[in-house]
PDB file of N, CA and C in Angstrom:
ATOM      1  N   MET A   1       0.844  -1.187   0.000  1.00  0.00           N
ATOM      2  CA  MET A   1       0.000   0.000   0.000  1.00  0.00           C
ATOM      3  C   MET A   1       0.884   1.244   0.000  1.00  0.00           C
ATOM      4  N   THR A   2       0.590   2.161  -0.898  1.00  0.00           N
ATOM      5  CA  THR A   2       1.343   3.398  -1.025  1.00  0.00           C
ATOM      6  C   THR A   2       0.587   4.523  -0.327  1.00  0.00           C
ATOM      7  N   ALA A   3       1.249   5.217   0.564  1.00  0.00           N
ATOM      8  CA  ALA A   3       0.640   6.331   1.304  1.00  0.00           C
ATOM      9  C   ALA A   3       1.029   7.654   0.656  1.00  0.00           C
ATOM     10  N   VAL A   4       0.165   8.642   0.769  1.00  0.00           N
ATOM     11  CA  VAL A   4       0.444   9.962   0.194  1.00  0.00           C
ATOM     12  C   VAL A   4       1.756  10.528   0.745  1.00  0.00           C
ATOM     13  N   ALA A   5       2.102  10.228   1.987  1.00  0.00           N
ATOM     14  CA  ALA A   5       3.328  10.741   2.601  1.00  0.00           C
ATOM     15  C   ALA A   5       4.587  10.234   1.916  1.00  0.00           C
ATOM     16  N   ASP A   6       4.486   9.139   1.167  1.00  0.00           N
ATOM     17  CA  ASP A   6       5.634   8.544   0.485  1.00  0.00           C
ATOM     18  C   ASP A   6       5.741   8.982  -0.973  1.00  0.00           C
ATOM     19  N   THR A   7       4.970   9.985  -1.363  1.00  0.00           N
ATOM     20  CA  THR A   7       4.916  10.417  -2.757  1.00  0.00           C
ATOM     21  C   THR A   7       5.146  11.923  -2.876  1.00  0.00           C
ATOM     22  N   PRO A   8       5.331  12.422  -4.101  1.00  0.00           N
ATOM     23  CA  PRO A   8       5.448  13.868  -4.304  1.00  0.00           C
ATOM     24  C   PRO A   8       4.187  14.653  -3.935  1.00  0.00           C
ATOM     25  N   PHE A   9       3.059  13.963  -3.755  1.00  0.00           N
ATOM     26  CA  PHE A   9       1.826  14.629  -3.343  1.00  0.00           C
ATOM     27  C   PHE A   9       1.854  15.049  -1.869  1.00  0.00           C
ATOM     28  N   ALA A  10       2.818  14.571  -1.114  1.00  0.00           N
ATOM     29  CA  ALA A  10       2.880  14.842   0.329  1.00  0.00           C
ATOM     30  C   ALA A  10       2.903  16.335   0.632  1.00  0.00           C
ATOM     31  N   THR A  11       3.730  17.090  -0.062  1.00  0.00           N
ATOM     32  CA  THR A  11       3.813  18.537   0.173  1.00  0.00           C
ATOM     33  C   THR A  11       2.501  19.216  -0.170  1.00  0.00           C
ATOM     34  N   LEU A  12       1.908  18.854  -1.307  1.00  0.00           N
ATOM     35  CA  LEU A  12       0.620  19.442  -1.700  1.00  0.00           C
ATOM     36  C   LEU A  12      -0.457  19.120  -0.675  1.00  0.00           C
ATOM     37  N   SER A  13      -0.444  17.906  -0.167  1.00  0.00           N
ATOM     38  CA  SER A  13      -1.426  17.500   0.837  1.00  0.00           C
ATOM     39  C   SER A  13      -1.236  18.274   2.137  1.00  0.00           C
ATOM     40  N   THR A  14       0.006  18.386   2.582  1.00  0.00           N
ATOM     41  CA  THR A  14       0.320  19.116   3.821  1.00  0.00           C
ATOM     42  C   THR A  14      -0.079  20.585   3.720  1.00  0.00           C
ATOM     43  N   GLU A  15       0.112  21.183   2.558  1.00  0.00           N
ATOM     44  CA  GLU A  15      -0.227  22.592   2.340  1.00  0.00           C
ATOM     45  C   GLU A  15      -1.718  22.804   2.078  1.00  0.00           C
ATOM     46  N   GLY A  16      -2.502  21.739   2.033  1.00  0.00           N
ATOM     47  CA  GLY A  16      -3.936  21.855   1.794  1.00  0.00           C
ATOM     48  C   GLY A  16      -4.293  22.207   0.366  1.00  0.00           C
ATOM     49  N   ARG A  17      -3.445  21.847  -0.597  1.00  0.00           N
ATOM     50  CA  ARG A  17      -3.679  22.196  -1.998  1.00  0.00           C
ATOM     51  C   ARG A  17      -4.413  21.124  -2.788  1.00  0.00           C
ATOM     52  N   LEU A  18      -4.563  19.934  -2.230  1.00  0.00           N
ATOM     53  CA  LEU A  18      -5.318  18.879  -2.904  1.00  0.00           C
ATOM     54  C   LEU A  18      -6.791  19.051  -2.529  1.00  0.00           C
ATOM     55  N   LEU A  19      -7.587  19.501  -3.476  1.00  0.00           N
ATOM     56  CA  LEU A  19      -8.980  19.867  -3.211  1.00  0.00           C
ATOM     57  C   LEU A  19      -9.943  18.906  -3.902  1.00  0.00           C
ATOM     58  N   LYS A  20     -11.108  18.722  -3.314  1.00  0.00           N
ATOM     59  CA  LYS A  20     -12.214  17.944  -3.873  1.00  0.00           C
ATOM     60  C   LYS A  20     -11.769  16.593  -4.444  1.00  0.00           C
ATOM     61  N   PRO A  21     -11.049  15.790  -3.672  1.00  0.00           N
ATOM     62  CA  PRO A  21     -10.569  14.519  -4.222  1.00  0.00           C
ATOM     63  C   PRO A  21     -11.692  13.507  -4.452  1.00  0.00           C
ATOM     64  N   THR A  22     -11.681  12.892  -5.633  1.00  0.00           N
ATOM     65  CA  THR A  22     -12.530  11.736  -5.877  1.00  0.00           C
ATOM     66  C   THR A  22     -11.681  10.473  -5.775  1.00  0.00           C
ATOM     67  N   LEU A  23     -10.363  10.640  -5.905  1.00  0.00           N
ATOM     68  CA  LEU A  23      -9.398   9.578  -5.659  1.00  0.00           C
ATOM     69  C   LEU A  23      -8.193  10.216  -5.007  1.00  0.00           C
ATOM     70  N   ASN A  24      -7.751   9.675  -3.906  1.00  0.00           N
ATOM     71  CA  ASN A  24      -6.570  10.151  -3.190  1.00  0.00           C
ATOM     72  C   ASN A  24      -6.007   8.946  -2.455  1.00  0.00           C
ATOM     73  N   ALA A  25      -5.508   7.970  -3.235  1.00  0.00           N
ATOM     74  CA  ALA A  25      -5.120   6.684  -2.644  1.00  0.00           C
ATOM     75  C   ALA A  25      -4.203   5.915  -3.581  1.00  0.00           C
ATOM     76  N   ASP A  26      -3.716   4.785  -3.067  1.00  0.00           N
ATOM     77  CA  ASP A  26      -2.919   3.917  -3.918  1.00  0.00           C
ATOM     78  C   ASP A  26      -3.811   3.321  -5.006  1.00  0.00           C
ATOM     79  N   THR A  27      -3.188   2.925  -6.111  1.00  0.00           N
ATOM     80  CA  THR A  27      -3.928   2.341  -7.221  1.00  0.00           C
ATOM     81  C   THR A  27      -3.754   0.827  -7.207  1.00  0.00           C
ATOM     82  N   HIS A  28      -4.302   0.150  -8.205  1.00  0.00           N
ATOM     83  CA  HIS A  28      -4.161  -1.303  -8.278  1.00  0.00           C
ATOM     84  C   HIS A  28      -2.744  -1.727  -8.669  1.00  0.00           C
ATOM     85  N   VAL A  29      -1.900  -0.777  -9.122  1.00  0.00           N
ATOM     86  CA  VAL A  29      -0.503  -1.064  -9.453  1.00  0.00           C
ATOM     87  C   VAL A  29       0.336  -0.821  -8.201  1.00  0.00           C
ATOM     88  N   ALA A  30       1.086  -1.819  -7.793  1.00  0.00           N
ATOM     89  CA  ALA A  30       1.909  -1.704  -6.578  1.00  0.00           C
ATOM     90  C   ALA A  30       2.894  -0.534  -6.693  1.00  0.00           C
ATOM     91  N   GLY A  31       2.964   0.286  -5.643  1.00  0.00           N
ATOM     92  CA  GLY A  31       3.882   1.414  -5.610  1.00  0.00           C
ATOM     93  C   GLY A  31       3.409   2.656  -6.330  1.00  0.00           C
ATOM     94  N   ARG A  32       2.181   2.668  -6.813  1.00  0.00           N
ATOM     95  CA  ARG A  32       1.648   3.823  -7.542  1.00  0.00           C
ATOM     96  C   ARG A  32       0.514   4.457  -6.750  1.00  0.00           C
ATOM     97  N   PHE A  33       0.547   5.794  -6.679  1.00  0.00           N
ATOM     98  CA  PHE A  33      -0.462   6.575  -5.962  1.00  0.00           C
ATOM     99  C   PHE A  33      -1.176   7.460  -6.957  1.00  0.00           C
ATOM    100  N   GLY A  34      -2.508   7.556  -6.847  1.00  0.00           N
ATOM    101  CA  GLY A  34      -3.278   8.373  -7.771  1.00  0.00           C
ATOM    102  C   GLY A  34      -4.053   9.472  -7.075  1.00  0.00           C
ATOM    103  N   PHE A  35      -4.242  10.566  -7.798  1.00  0.00           N
ATOM    104  CA  PHE A  35      -5.076  11.672  -7.306  1.00  0.00           C
ATOM    105  C   PHE A  35      -5.964  12.142  -8.440  1.00  0.00           C
ATOM    106  N   ARG A  36      -7.251  12.299  -8.147  1.00  0.00           N
ATOM    107  CA  ARG A  36      -8.220  12.936  -9.040  1.00  0.00           C
ATOM    108  C   ARG A  36      -8.951  13.979  -8.220  1.00  0.00           C
ATOM    109  N   GLY A  37      -9.049  15.170  -8.744  1.00  0.00           N
ATOM    110  CA  GLY A  37      -9.717  16.259  -8.041  1.00  0.00           C
ATOM    111  C   GLY A  37      -9.216  17.591  -8.573  1.00  0.00           C
ATOM    112  N   GLU A  38      -8.914  18.517  -7.657  1.00  0.00           N
ATOM    113  CA  GLU A  38      -8.407  19.831  -8.031  1.00  0.00           C
ATOM    114  C   GLU A  38      -7.147  20.123  -7.229  1.00  0.00           C
ATOM    115  N   ILE A  39      -6.236  20.890  -7.822  1.00  0.00           N
ATOM    116  CA  ILE A  39      -5.020  21.315  -7.129  1.00  0.00           C
ATOM    117  C   ILE A  39      -4.968  22.833  -7.159  1.00  0.00           C
ATOM    118  N   SER A  40      -4.879  23.442  -5.989  1.00  0.00           N
ATOM    119  CA  SER A  40      -4.767  24.893  -5.868  1.00  0.00           C
ATOM    120  C   SER A  40      -3.298  25.290  -6.018  1.00  0.00           C
ATOM    121  N   TYR A  41      -3.056  26.362  -6.752  1.00  0.00           N
ATOM    122  CA  TYR A  41      -1.702  26.901  -6.857  1.00  0.00           C
ATOM    123  C   TYR A  41      -1.788  28.395  -7.087  1.00  0.00           C
ATOM    124  N   ASP A  42      -0.711  29.115  -6.797  1.00  0.00           N
ATOM    125  CA  ASP A  42      -0.664  30.562  -6.996  1.00  0.00           C
ATOM    126  C   ASP A  42      -1.826  31.261  -6.299  1.00  0.00           C
ATOM    127  N   GLY A  43      -2.120  30.828  -5.077  1.00  0.00           N
ATOM    128  CA  GLY A  43      -3.217  31.413  -4.319  1.00  0.00           C
ATOM    129  C   GLY A  43      -4.521  30.701  -4.598  1.00  0.00           C
ATOM    130  N   PRO A  44      -5.541  31.000  -3.811  1.00  0.00           N
ATOM    131  CA  PRO A  44      -6.807  30.281  -3.941  1.00  0.00           C
ATOM    132  C   PRO A  44      -7.592  30.615  -5.208  1.00  0.00           C
ATOM    133  N   GLU A  45      -7.253  31.702  -5.896  1.00  0.00           N
ATOM    134  CA  GLU A  45      -8.016  32.077  -7.082  1.00  0.00           C
ATOM    135  C   GLU A  45      -7.588  31.319  -8.340  1.00  0.00           C
ATOM    136  N   THR A  46      -6.501  30.585  -8.297  1.00  0.00           N
ATOM    137  CA  THR A  46      -6.049  29.822  -9.452  1.00  0.00           C
ATOM    138  C   THR A  46      -6.028  28.346  -9.091  1.00  0.00           C
ATOM    139  N   VAL A  47      -6.740  27.545  -9.889  1.00  0.00           N
ATOM    140  CA  VAL A  47      -6.915  26.125  -9.580  1.00  0.00           C
ATOM    141  C   VAL A  47      -6.713  25.298 -10.841  1.00  0.00           C
ATOM    142  N   LEU A  48      -6.035  24.177 -10.699  1.00  0.00           N
ATOM    143  CA  LEU A  48      -5.954  23.182 -11.758  1.00  0.00           C
ATOM    144  C   LEU A  48      -7.119  22.235 -11.527  1.00  0.00           C
ATOM    145  N   LYS A  49      -8.104  22.241 -12.443  1.00  0.00           N
ATOM    146  CA  LYS A  49      -9.333  21.458 -12.274  1.00  0.00           C
ATOM    147  C   LYS A  49      -9.278  20.189 -13.100  1.00  0.00           C
ATOM    148  N   GLU A  50     -10.161  19.272 -12.767  1.00  0.00           N
ATOM    149  CA  GLU A  50     -10.296  18.000 -13.475  1.00  0.00           C
ATOM    150  C   GLU A  50      -8.959  17.261 -13.561  1.00  0.00           C
ATOM    151  N   VAL A  51      -8.215  17.291 -12.461  1.00  0.00           N
ATOM    152  CA  VAL A  51      -6.880  16.696 -12.413  1.00  0.00           C
ATOM    153  C   VAL A  51      -6.964  15.178 -12.397  1.00  0.00           C
ATOM    154  N   PHE A  52      -6.111  14.580 -13.180  1.00  0.00           N
ATOM    155  CA  PHE A  52      -5.852  13.142 -13.136  1.00  0.00           C
ATOM    156  C   PHE A  52      -4.338  13.023 -13.058  1.00  0.00           C
ATOM    157  N   SER A  53      -3.815  12.437 -11.992  1.00  0.00           N
ATOM    158  CA  SER A  53      -2.374  12.361 -11.829  1.00  0.00           C
ATOM    159  C   SER A  53      -1.969  11.111 -11.060  1.00  0.00           C
ATOM    160  N   VAL A  54      -0.748  10.676 -11.328  1.00  0.00           N
ATOM    161  CA  VAL A  54      -0.192   9.524 -10.616  1.00  0.00           C
ATOM    162  C   VAL A  54       1.275   9.784 -10.298  1.00  0.00           C
ATOM    163  N   SER A  55       1.752   9.138  -9.263  1.00  0.00           N
ATOM    164  CA  SER A  55       3.168   9.189  -8.915  1.00  0.00           C
ATOM    165  C   SER A  55       3.588   7.820  -8.395  1.00  0.00           C
ATOM    166  N   GLU A  56       4.881   7.587  -8.437  1.00  0.00           N
ATOM    167  CA  GLU A  56       5.441   6.329  -7.984  1.00  0.00           C
ATOM    168  C   GLU A  56       6.036   6.525  -6.590  1.00  0.00           C
ATOM    169  N   ASP A  57       5.893   5.527  -5.755  1.00  0.00           N
ATOM    170  CA  ASP A  57       6.436   5.525  -4.402  1.00  0.00           C
ATOM    171  C   ASP A  57       7.939   5.801  -4.433  1.00  0.00           C
ATOM    172  N   GLY A  58       8.375   6.797  -3.675  1.00  0.00           N
ATOM    173  CA  GLY A  58       9.788   7.118  -3.561  1.00  0.00           C
ATOM    174  C   GLY A  58      10.363   7.971  -4.671  1.00  0.00           C
ATOM    175  N   LYS A  59       9.616   8.290  -5.702  1.00  0.00           N
ATOM    176  CA  LYS A  59      10.102   9.135  -6.805  1.00  0.00           C
ATOM    177  C   LYS A  59       9.984  10.606  -6.399  1.00  0.00           C
ATOM    178  N   PRO A  60      10.879  11.466  -6.896  1.00  0.00           N
ATOM    179  CA  PRO A  60      10.877  12.869  -6.481  1.00  0.00           C
ATOM    180  C   PRO A  60       9.846  13.756  -7.165  1.00  0.00           C
ATOM    181  N   ALA A  61       9.208  13.275  -8.243  1.00  0.00           N
ATOM    182  CA  ALA A  61       8.277  14.128  -8.992  1.00  0.00           C
ATOM    183  C   ALA A  61       7.026  13.348  -9.379  1.00  0.00           C
ATOM    184  N   ILE A  62       5.968  14.079  -9.659  1.00  0.00           N
ATOM    185  CA  ILE A  62       4.723  13.473 -10.147  1.00  0.00           C
ATOM    186  C   ILE A  62       4.989  12.960 -11.558  1.00  0.00           C
ATOM    187  N   GLY A  63       4.654  11.705 -11.814  1.00  0.00           N
ATOM    188  CA  GLY A  63       4.949  11.082 -13.099  1.00  0.00           C
ATOM    189  C   GLY A  63       4.032  11.510 -14.228  1.00  0.00           C
ATOM    190  N   PHE A  64       2.756  11.759 -13.921  1.00  0.00           N
ATOM    191  CA  PHE A  64       1.783  12.163 -14.931  1.00  0.00           C
ATOM    192  C   PHE A  64       0.777  13.081 -14.281  1.00  0.00           C
ATOM    193  N   LEU A  65       0.441  14.191 -14.986  1.00  0.00           N
ATOM    194  CA  LEU A  65      -0.551  15.118 -14.471  1.00  0.00           C
ATOM    195  C   LEU A  65      -1.266  15.756 -15.658  1.00  0.00           C
ATOM    196  N   ALA A  66      -2.586  15.725 -15.643  1.00  0.00           N
ATOM    197  CA  ALA A  66      -3.390  16.378 -16.667  1.00  0.00           C
ATOM    198  C   ALA A  66      -4.548  17.092 -15.985  1.00  0.00           C
ATOM    199  N   GLY A  67      -4.964  18.227 -16.535  1.00  0.00           N
ATOM    200  CA  GLY A  67      -6.081  18.977 -15.977  1.00  0.00           C
ATOM    201  C   GLY A  67      -6.311  20.255 -16.750  1.00  0.00           C
ATOM    202  N   SER A  68      -7.246  21.063 -16.285  1.00  0.00           N
ATOM    203  CA  SER A  68      -7.587  22.342 -16.900  1.00  0.00           C
ATOM    204  C   SER A  68      -7.284  23.469 -15.930  1.00  0.00           C
ATOM    205  N   ILE A  69      -6.607  24.516 -16.404  1.00  0.00           N
ATOM    206  CA  ILE A  69      -6.249  25.649 -15.561  1.00  0.00           C
ATOM    207  C   ILE A  69      -7.382  26.666 -15.569  1.00  0.00           C
ATOM    208  N   THR A  70      -7.778  27.103 -14.375  1.00  0.00           N
ATOM    209  CA  THR A  70      -8.766  28.178 -14.263  1.00  0.00           C
ATOM    210  C   THR A  70      -8.246  29.210 -13.273  1.00  0.00           C
ATOM    211  N   GLY A  71      -8.639  30.439 -13.473  1.00  0.00           N
ATOM    212  CA  GLY A  71      -8.239  31.504 -12.567  1.00  0.00           C
ATOM    213  C   GLY A  71      -9.155  32.686 -12.730  1.00  0.00           C
ATOM    214  N   SER A  72      -8.950  33.697 -11.911  1.00  0.00           N
ATOM    215  CA  SER A  72      -9.787  34.885 -12.004  1.00  0.00           C
ATOM    216  C   SER A  72      -9.494  35.613 -13.306  1.00  0.00           C
ATOM    217  N   SER A  73     -10.508  36.163 -13.950  1.00  0.00           N
ATOM    218  CA  SER A  73     -10.331  36.825 -15.241  1.00  0.00           C
ATOM    219  C   SER A  73      -9.458  38.059 -15.118  1.00  0.00           C
ATOM    220  N   GLN A  74      -9.547  38.790 -14.021  1.00  0.00           N
ATOM    221  CA  GLN A  74      -8.742  39.985 -13.839  1.00  0.00           C
ATOM    222  C   GLN A  74      -7.268  39.618 -13.786  1.00  0.00           C
ATOM    223  N   LYS A  75      -6.933  38.591 -13.067  1.00  0.00           N
ATOM    224  CA  LYS A  75      -5.538  38.172 -12.953  1.00  0.00           C
ATOM    225  C   LYS A  75      -5.023  37.715 -14.313  1.00  0.00           C
ATOM    226  N   THR A  76      -5.810  36.998 -15.082  1.00  0.00           N
ATOM    227  CA  THR A  76      -5.426  36.523 -16.402  1.00  0.00           C
ATOM    228  C   THR A  76      -5.196  37.714 -17.339  1.00  0.00           C
ATOM    229  N   GLU A  77      -6.092  38.724 -17.305  1.00  0.00           N
ATOM    230  CA  GLU A  77      -5.942  39.905 -18.145  1.00  0.00           C
ATOM    231  C   GLU A  77      -4.676  40.678 -17.807  1.00  0.00           C
ATOM    232  N   ASN A  78      -4.349  40.807 -16.513  1.00  0.00           N
ATOM    233  CA  ASN A  78      -3.155  41.522 -16.106  1.00  0.00           C
ATOM    234  C   ASN A  78      -1.886  40.814 -16.573  1.00  0.00           C
ATOM    235  N   LYS A  79      -1.857  39.493 -16.557  1.00  0.00           N
ATOM    236  CA  LYS A  79      -0.685  38.761 -17.007  1.00  0.00           C
ATOM    237  C   LYS A  79      -0.511  38.877 -18.525  1.00  0.00           C
ATOM    238  N   ALA A  80      -1.615  39.038 -19.270  1.00  0.00           N
ATOM    239  CA  ALA A  80      -1.545  39.123 -20.714  1.00  0.00           C
ATOM    240  C   ALA A  80      -0.974  40.443 -21.202  1.00  0.00           C
ATOM    241  N   ARG A  81      -1.015  41.462 -20.395  1.00  0.00           N
ATOM    242  CA  ARG A  81      -0.541  42.802 -20.810  1.00  0.00           C
ATOM    243  C   ARG A  81       0.921  42.938 -20.723  1.00  0.00           C
TER     244      ARG A  81
END
């Protein structure tokens, strides 16, 4: 069984950035941990939604991550200028 503390998700979990999880557990593959939900970054107004990601036990980085970036429109407009 792979625990979140043994994966790159540990820091995100400790910081409270793993939001609305539908999966936050080990997978059927030994040594693999999966997360589905949302990840907050760059403050609470910017969120990576519809996240599907996996990591391997003991590896320093998340192996696969896919999702949609959303943020406040004002912040997006300011960055575009």
